[in-house]
Amino acid sequence: MSNITPSATVRSEATGTSRTLRYHIDMRMFAVAFTVLLAPLPAAAWEFTPAPICTLFHQDADVAVMVTYDPASGEYAIHLSREGGWPNAAVFSMRFEGPRGLTISTTRHVIETEDTRTLTVRDRGFGNVLNGLNFNQRAVAVLGDLEVSMSLDGAAPAVEEFRACPQDQLVHWRETRSSRAS
């Protein structure tokens, strides 16, 4: 039996930091997805975490919402997970209901074919999504005939923290991690 740690199994001399970071991001995503899919909870608070990437998370009764921003790639993503999965449909929409209501749509959503429980949309700009989450009472994800609503109660403070997530936090996090390893 060897003494290989999970970090060591993915670390290589040429790409060690990058692959180790990717491993930790993947493990975090797996942990969140595992928790969301196997242990649905009643509505909980909206949560923000800045590392390893900027993440906004909320577990509602029927859906888990995770919004991420990776400063290294400049890419935002929203992941919506539900136990019942998502149907195939050409257009995905998010309808935000409240004082600053709006509806946004895309044809660039992705549902994994092996596991249809998570729908993901990626883009370089998420102003409308963040405004919708911040300034309204309810969001409704619409795909085909399926509508899944989620409460936005308490989302505004976490969305503001997400918006203020430092652009250099990924670099700082890497430096902190490597200085601890030394």
C-alpha atoms as a PDB file:
ATOM      1  CA  MET A   1       0.000   0.000   0.000  1.00  0.00           C
ATOM      2  CA  SER A   2       1.473   3.362  -0.981  1.00  0.00           C
ATOM      3  CA  ASN A   3       1.269   6.705   0.786  1.00  0.00           C
ATOM      4  CA  ILE A   4      -0.144   8.616  -2.167  1.00  0.00           C
ATOM      5  CA  THR A   5      -2.414  11.502  -1.234  1.00  0.00           C
ATOM      6  CA  PRO A   6      -5.217  12.668  -3.575  1.00  0.00           C
ATOM      7  CA  SER A   7      -3.195  15.791  -4.455  1.00  0.00           C
ATOM      8  CA  ALA A   8      -0.130  13.731  -5.284  1.00  0.00           C
ATOM      9  CA  THR A   9      -2.058  11.507  -7.679  1.00  0.00           C
ATOM     10  CA  VAL A  10      -2.856  14.437  -9.960  1.00  0.00           C
ATOM     11  CA  ARG A  11       0.282  16.544  -9.455  1.00  0.00           C
ATOM     12  CA  SER A  12       2.926  16.463 -12.158  1.00  0.00           C
ATOM     13  CA  GLU A  13       6.142  18.449 -12.395  1.00  0.00           C
ATOM     14  CA  ALA A  14       5.039  20.348 -15.509  1.00  0.00           C
ATOM     15  CA  THR A  15       1.454  21.159 -14.497  1.00  0.00           C
ATOM     16  CA  GLY A  16       1.276  20.410 -10.765  1.00  0.00           C
ATOM     17  CA  THR A  17      -0.379  23.623  -9.592  1.00  0.00           C
ATOM     18  CA  SER A  18      -2.917  23.700 -12.395  1.00  0.00           C
ATOM     19  CA  ARG A  19      -3.882  20.041 -12.104  1.00  0.00           C
ATOM     20  CA  THR A  20      -4.020  20.175  -8.303  1.00  0.00           C
ATOM     21  CA  LEU A  21      -6.286  23.230  -8.434  1.00  0.00           C
ATOM     22  CA  ARG A  22      -8.515  21.535 -11.031  1.00  0.00           C
ATOM     23  CA  TYR A  23      -8.683  18.448  -8.803  1.00  0.00           C
ATOM     24  CA  HIS A  24      -9.825  20.539  -5.823  1.00  0.00           C
ATOM     25  CA  ILE A  25     -12.399  22.371  -7.932  1.00  0.00           C
ATOM     26  CA  ASP A  26     -13.702  19.050  -9.278  1.00  0.00           C
ATOM     27  CA  MET A  27     -13.856  17.542  -5.790  1.00  0.00           C
ATOM     28  CA  ARG A  28     -15.725  20.572  -4.478  1.00  0.00           C
ATOM     29  CA  MET A  29     -18.202  20.404  -7.354  1.00  0.00           C
ATOM     30  CA  PHE A  30     -18.642  16.678  -6.727  1.00  0.00           C
ATOM     31  CA  ALA A  31     -19.231  17.254  -3.004  1.00  0.00           C
ATOM     32  CA  VAL A  32     -21.823  19.944  -3.699  1.00  0.00           C
ATOM     33  CA  ALA A  33     -23.570  17.847  -6.349  1.00  0.00           C
ATOM     34  CA  PHE A  34     -23.512  14.765  -4.120  1.00  0.00           C
ATOM     35  CA  THR A  35     -25.023  16.684  -1.225  1.00  0.00           C
ATOM     36  CA  VAL A  36     -27.629  18.305  -3.435  1.00  0.00           C
ATOM     37  CA  LEU A  37     -28.726  15.151  -5.184  1.00  0.00           C
ATOM     38  CA  LEU A  38     -28.698  12.670  -2.320  1.00  0.00           C
ATOM     39  CA  ALA A  39     -29.867  14.760   0.603  1.00  0.00           C
ATOM     40  CA  PRO A  40     -32.382  17.389  -0.507  1.00  0.00           C
ATOM     41  CA  LEU A  41     -32.896  19.951   2.236  1.00  0.00           C
ATOM     42  CA  PRO A  42     -35.591  22.510   2.879  1.00  0.00           C
ATOM     43  CA  ALA A  43     -34.868  26.006   1.636  1.00  0.00           C
ATOM     44  CA  ALA A  44     -31.605  27.294   3.087  1.00  0.00           C
ATOM     45  CA  ALA A  45     -29.730  30.558   2.972  1.00  0.00           C
ATOM     46  CA  TRP A  46     -27.859  31.749  -0.076  1.00  0.00           C
ATOM     47  CA  GLU A  47     -24.133  31.238   0.468  1.00  0.00           C
ATOM     48  CA  PHE A  48     -21.031  32.780  -1.090  1.00  0.00           C
ATOM     49  CA  THR A  49     -17.486  31.379  -1.037  1.00  0.00           C
ATOM     50  CA  PRO A  50     -14.499  33.026  -2.765  1.00  0.00           C
ATOM     51  CA  ALA A  51     -12.110  30.073  -3.131  1.00  0.00           C
ATOM     52  CA  PRO A  52     -11.053  28.134  -5.039  1.00  0.00           C
ATOM     53  CA  ILE A  53     -13.339  30.049  -7.421  1.00  0.00           C
ATOM     54  CA  CYS A  54     -16.097  32.565  -6.687  1.00  0.00           C
ATOM     55  CA  THR A  55     -19.209  30.518  -5.891  1.00  0.00           C
ATOM     56  CA  LEU A  56     -22.802  31.415  -5.033  1.00  0.00           C
ATOM     57  CA  PHE A  57     -24.892  28.473  -3.808  1.00  0.00           C
ATOM     58  CA  HIS A  58     -28.493  27.910  -2.743  1.00  0.00           C
ATOM     59  CA  GLN A  59     -30.474  24.751  -2.042  1.00  0.00           C
ATOM     60  CA  ASP A  60     -34.204  25.235  -2.565  1.00  0.00           C
ATOM     61  CA  ALA A  61     -36.896  22.598  -2.069  1.00  0.00           C
ATOM     62  CA  ASP A  62     -36.787  21.343  -5.684  1.00  0.00           C
ATOM     63  CA  VAL A  63     -33.526  22.652  -7.105  1.00  0.00           C
ATOM     64  CA  ALA A  64     -29.961  23.506  -6.156  1.00  0.00           C
ATOM     65  CA  VAL A  65     -28.451  26.605  -7.747  1.00  0.00           C
ATOM     66  CA  MET A  66     -24.726  27.177  -8.081  1.00  0.00           C
ATOM     67  CA  VAL A  67     -23.292  30.222  -9.859  1.00  0.00           C
ATOM     68  CA  THR A  68     -19.536  30.300 -10.391  1.00  0.00           C
ATOM     69  CA  TYR A  69     -17.020  32.772 -11.737  1.00  0.00           C
ATOM     70  CA  ASP A  70     -13.492  31.731 -12.622  1.00  0.00           C
ATOM     71  CA  PRO A  71     -11.263  34.815 -12.962  1.00  0.00           C
ATOM     72  CA  ALA A  72      -8.585  32.746 -14.699  1.00  0.00           C
ATOM     73  CA  SER A  73     -10.877  32.038 -17.657  1.00  0.00           C
ATOM     74  CA  GLY A  74     -13.261  34.991 -17.234  1.00  0.00           C
ATOM     75  CA  GLU A  75     -16.166  32.568 -17.443  1.00  0.00           C
ATOM     76  CA  TYR A  76     -19.397  32.526 -15.447  1.00  0.00           C
ATOM     77  CA  ALA A  77     -21.575  29.441 -15.123  1.00  0.00           C
ATOM     78  CA  ILE A  78     -24.904  28.605 -13.579  1.00  0.00           C
ATOM     79  CA  HIS A  79     -25.595  25.004 -12.629  1.00  0.00           C
ATOM     80  CA  LEU A  80     -29.158  23.983 -11.790  1.00  0.00           C
ATOM     81  CA  SER A  81     -29.539  20.504 -10.284  1.00  0.00           C
ATOM     82  CA  ARG A  82     -32.764  18.672  -9.591  1.00  0.00           C
ATOM     83  CA  GLU A  83     -33.435  15.062  -8.693  1.00  0.00           C
ATOM     84  CA  GLY A  84     -35.997  14.619 -11.500  1.00  0.00           C
ATOM     85  CA  GLY A  85     -33.557  15.710 -14.205  1.00  0.00           C
ATOM     86  CA  TRP A  86     -34.176  18.071 -17.116  1.00  0.00           C
ATOM     87  CA  PRO A  87     -36.006  17.319 -20.368  1.00  0.00           C
ATOM     88  CA  ASN A  88     -34.476  17.947 -23.774  1.00  0.00           C
ATOM     89  CA  ALA A  89     -35.572  21.291 -25.192  1.00  0.00           C
ATOM     90  CA  ALA A  90     -34.018  23.790 -27.592  1.00  0.00           C
ATOM     91  CA  VAL A  91     -34.423  26.883 -25.399  1.00  0.00           C
ATOM     92  CA  PHE A  92     -33.713  27.383 -21.702  1.00  0.00           C
ATOM     93  CA  SER A  93     -35.123  30.466 -19.943  1.00  0.00           C
ATOM     94  CA  MET A  94     -34.848  32.029 -16.517  1.00  0.00           C
ATOM     95  CA  ARG A  95     -37.749  34.224 -15.491  1.00  0.00           C
ATOM     96  CA  PHE A  96     -37.132  36.564 -12.569  1.00  0.00           C
ATOM     97  CA  GLU A  97     -40.274  37.739 -10.793  1.00  0.00           C
ATOM     98  CA  GLY A  98     -40.334  40.835  -8.613  1.00  0.00           C
ATOM     99  CA  PRO A  99     -39.724  44.575  -8.766  1.00  0.00           C
ATOM    100  CA  ARG A 100     -37.063  44.252 -11.499  1.00  0.00           C
ATOM    101  CA  GLY A 101     -38.495  41.268 -13.317  1.00  0.00           C
ATOM    102  CA  LEU A 102     -36.981  40.025 -16.542  1.00  0.00           C
ATOM    103  CA  THR A 103     -36.719  36.884 -18.632  1.00  0.00           C
ATOM    104  CA  ILE A 104     -33.500  35.709 -20.251  1.00  0.00           C
ATOM    105  CA  SER A 105     -33.144  32.825 -22.700  1.00  0.00           C
ATOM    106  CA  THR A 106     -30.404  30.810 -24.349  1.00  0.00           C
ATOM    107  CA  THR A 107     -29.919  27.883 -26.684  1.00  0.00           C
ATOM    108  CA  ARG A 108     -26.403  27.271 -25.283  1.00  0.00           C
ATOM    109  CA  HIS A 109     -27.434  25.259 -22.237  1.00  0.00           C
ATOM    110  CA  VAL A 110     -25.924  21.822 -21.612  1.00  0.00           C
ATOM    111  CA  ILE A 111     -27.449  18.766 -19.961  1.00  0.00           C
ATOM    112  CA  GLU A 112     -25.113  15.824 -19.496  1.00  0.00           C
ATOM    113  CA  THR A 113     -26.398  12.798 -21.410  1.00  0.00           C
ATOM    114  CA  GLU A 114     -25.204  10.333 -18.746  1.00  0.00           C
ATOM    115  CA  ASP A 115     -26.707  12.299 -15.847  1.00  0.00           C
ATOM    116  CA  THR A 116     -29.567  14.624 -16.754  1.00  0.00           C
ATOM    117  CA  ARG A 117     -29.918  16.057 -13.223  1.00  0.00           C
ATOM    118  CA  THR A 118     -27.746  19.137 -13.856  1.00  0.00           C
ATOM    119  CA  LEU A 119     -28.301  21.835 -16.462  1.00  0.00           C
ATOM    120  CA  THR A 120     -25.406  24.248 -17.054  1.00  0.00           C
ATOM    121  CA  VAL A 121     -25.125  27.552 -18.894  1.00  0.00           C
ATOM    122  CA  ARG A 122     -21.714  29.227 -19.354  1.00  0.00           C
ATOM    123  CA  ASP A 123     -20.978  32.736 -20.579  1.00  0.00           C
ATOM    124  CA  ARG A 124     -18.522  35.601 -20.186  1.00  0.00           C
ATOM    125  CA  GLY A 125     -21.212  38.035 -19.005  1.00  0.00           C
ATOM    126  CA  PHE A 126     -23.774  37.353 -16.272  1.00  0.00           C
ATOM    127  CA  GLY A 127     -25.056  40.840 -15.421  1.00  0.00           C
ATOM    128  CA  ASN A 128     -28.695  39.973 -16.138  1.00  0.00           C
ATOM    129  CA  VAL A 129     -28.494  36.751 -14.115  1.00  0.00           C
ATOM    130  CA  LEU A 130     -26.907  38.511 -11.140  1.00  0.00           C
ATOM    131  CA  ASN A 131     -29.400  41.401 -11.338  1.00  0.00           C
ATOM    132  CA  GLY A 132     -32.269  38.937 -11.534  1.00  0.00           C
ATOM    133  CA  LEU A 133     -31.052  37.044  -8.469  1.00  0.00           C
ATOM    134  CA  ASN A 134     -30.281  40.239  -6.561  1.00  0.00           C
ATOM    135  CA  PHE A 135     -33.372  42.364  -7.136  1.00  0.00           C
ATOM    136  CA  ASN A 136     -36.301  39.941  -7.301  1.00  0.00           C
ATOM    137  CA  GLN A 137     -38.288  37.562  -5.090  1.00  0.00           C
ATOM    138  CA  ARG A 138     -38.434  34.456  -7.235  1.00  0.00           C
ATOM    139  CA  ALA A 139     -36.670  32.838 -10.177  1.00  0.00           C
ATOM    140  CA  VAL A 140     -38.261  30.274 -12.467  1.00  0.00           C
ATOM    141  CA  ALA A 141     -36.149  27.986 -14.648  1.00  0.00           C
ATOM    142  CA  VAL A 142     -38.075  27.033 -17.785  1.00  0.00           C
ATOM    143  CA  LEU A 143     -37.115  24.192 -20.109  1.00  0.00           C
ATOM    144  CA  GLY A 144     -39.791  22.958 -22.484  1.00  0.00           C
ATOM    145  CA  ASP A 145     -42.973  22.438 -20.452  1.00  0.00           C
ATOM    146  CA  LEU A 146     -41.048  22.152 -17.161  1.00  0.00           C
ATOM    147  CA  GLU A 147     -40.992  25.146 -14.802  1.00  0.00           C
ATOM    148  CA  VAL A 148     -38.943  24.982 -11.601  1.00  0.00           C
ATOM    149  CA  SER A 149     -39.173  27.908  -9.209  1.00  0.00           C
ATOM    150  CA  MET A 150     -36.802  28.966  -6.466  1.00  0.00           C
ATOM    151  CA  SER A 151     -37.033  31.566  -3.749  1.00  0.00           C
ATOM    152  CA  LEU A 152     -34.668  34.514  -3.895  1.00  0.00           C
ATOM    153  CA  ASP A 153     -35.304  35.472  -0.255  1.00  0.00           C
ATOM    154  CA  GLY A 154     -31.968  36.446   1.246  1.00  0.00           C
ATOM    155  CA  ALA A 155     -30.093  36.214  -2.072  1.00  0.00           C
ATOM    156  CA  ALA A 156     -29.127  39.908  -2.337  1.00  0.00           C
ATOM    157  CA  PRO A 157     -26.305  39.976   0.272  1.00  0.00           C
ATOM    158  CA  ALA A 158     -24.698  36.820  -1.142  1.00  0.00           C
ATOM    159  CA  VAL A 159     -25.025  38.144  -4.717  1.00  0.00           C
ATOM    160  CA  GLU A 160     -23.313  41.385  -3.646  1.00  0.00           C
ATOM    161  CA  GLU A 161     -20.456  39.371  -2.098  1.00  0.00           C
ATOM    162  CA  PHE A 162     -20.245  37.358  -5.321  1.00  0.00           C
ATOM    163  CA  ARG A 163     -20.057  40.552  -7.407  1.00  0.00           C
ATOM    164  CA  ALA A 164     -17.248  41.845  -5.151  1.00  0.00           C
ATOM    165  CA  CYS A 165     -15.231  38.623  -5.385  1.00  0.00           C
ATOM    166  CA  PRO A 166     -11.620  39.709  -5.944  1.00  0.00           C
ATOM    167  CA  GLN A 167     -10.388  39.206  -9.482  1.00  0.00           C
ATOM    168  CA  ASP A 168      -7.006  38.121  -8.143  1.00  0.00           C
ATOM    169  CA  GLN A 169      -8.391  35.727  -5.521  1.00  0.00           C
ATOM    170  CA  LEU A 170      -7.451  32.667  -7.576  1.00  0.00           C
ATOM    171  CA  VAL A 171      -3.827  33.790  -7.779  1.00  0.00           C
ATOM    172  CA  HIS A 172      -3.840  34.648  -4.050  1.00  0.00           C
ATOM    173  CA  TRP A 173      -5.388  31.254  -3.222  1.00  0.00           C
ATOM    174  CA  ARG A 174      -2.713  29.453  -5.271  1.00  0.00           C
ATOM    175  CA  GLU A 175       0.076  31.443  -3.569  1.00  0.00           C
ATOM    176  CA  THR A 176      -1.368  30.718  -0.127  1.00  0.00           C
ATOM    177  CA  ARG A 177      -1.662  27.009  -0.909  1.00  0.00           C
ATOM    178  CA  SER A 178       1.880  26.748  -2.277  1.00  0.00           C
ATOM    179  CA  SER A 179       3.376  28.691   0.665  1.00  0.00           C
ATOM    180  CA  ARG A 180       1.641  26.277   3.073  1.00  0.00           C
ATOM    181  CA  ALA A 181       3.089  23.313   1.177  1.00  0.00           C
ATOM    182  CA  SER A 182       6.639  24.679   1.545  1.00  0.00           C
END
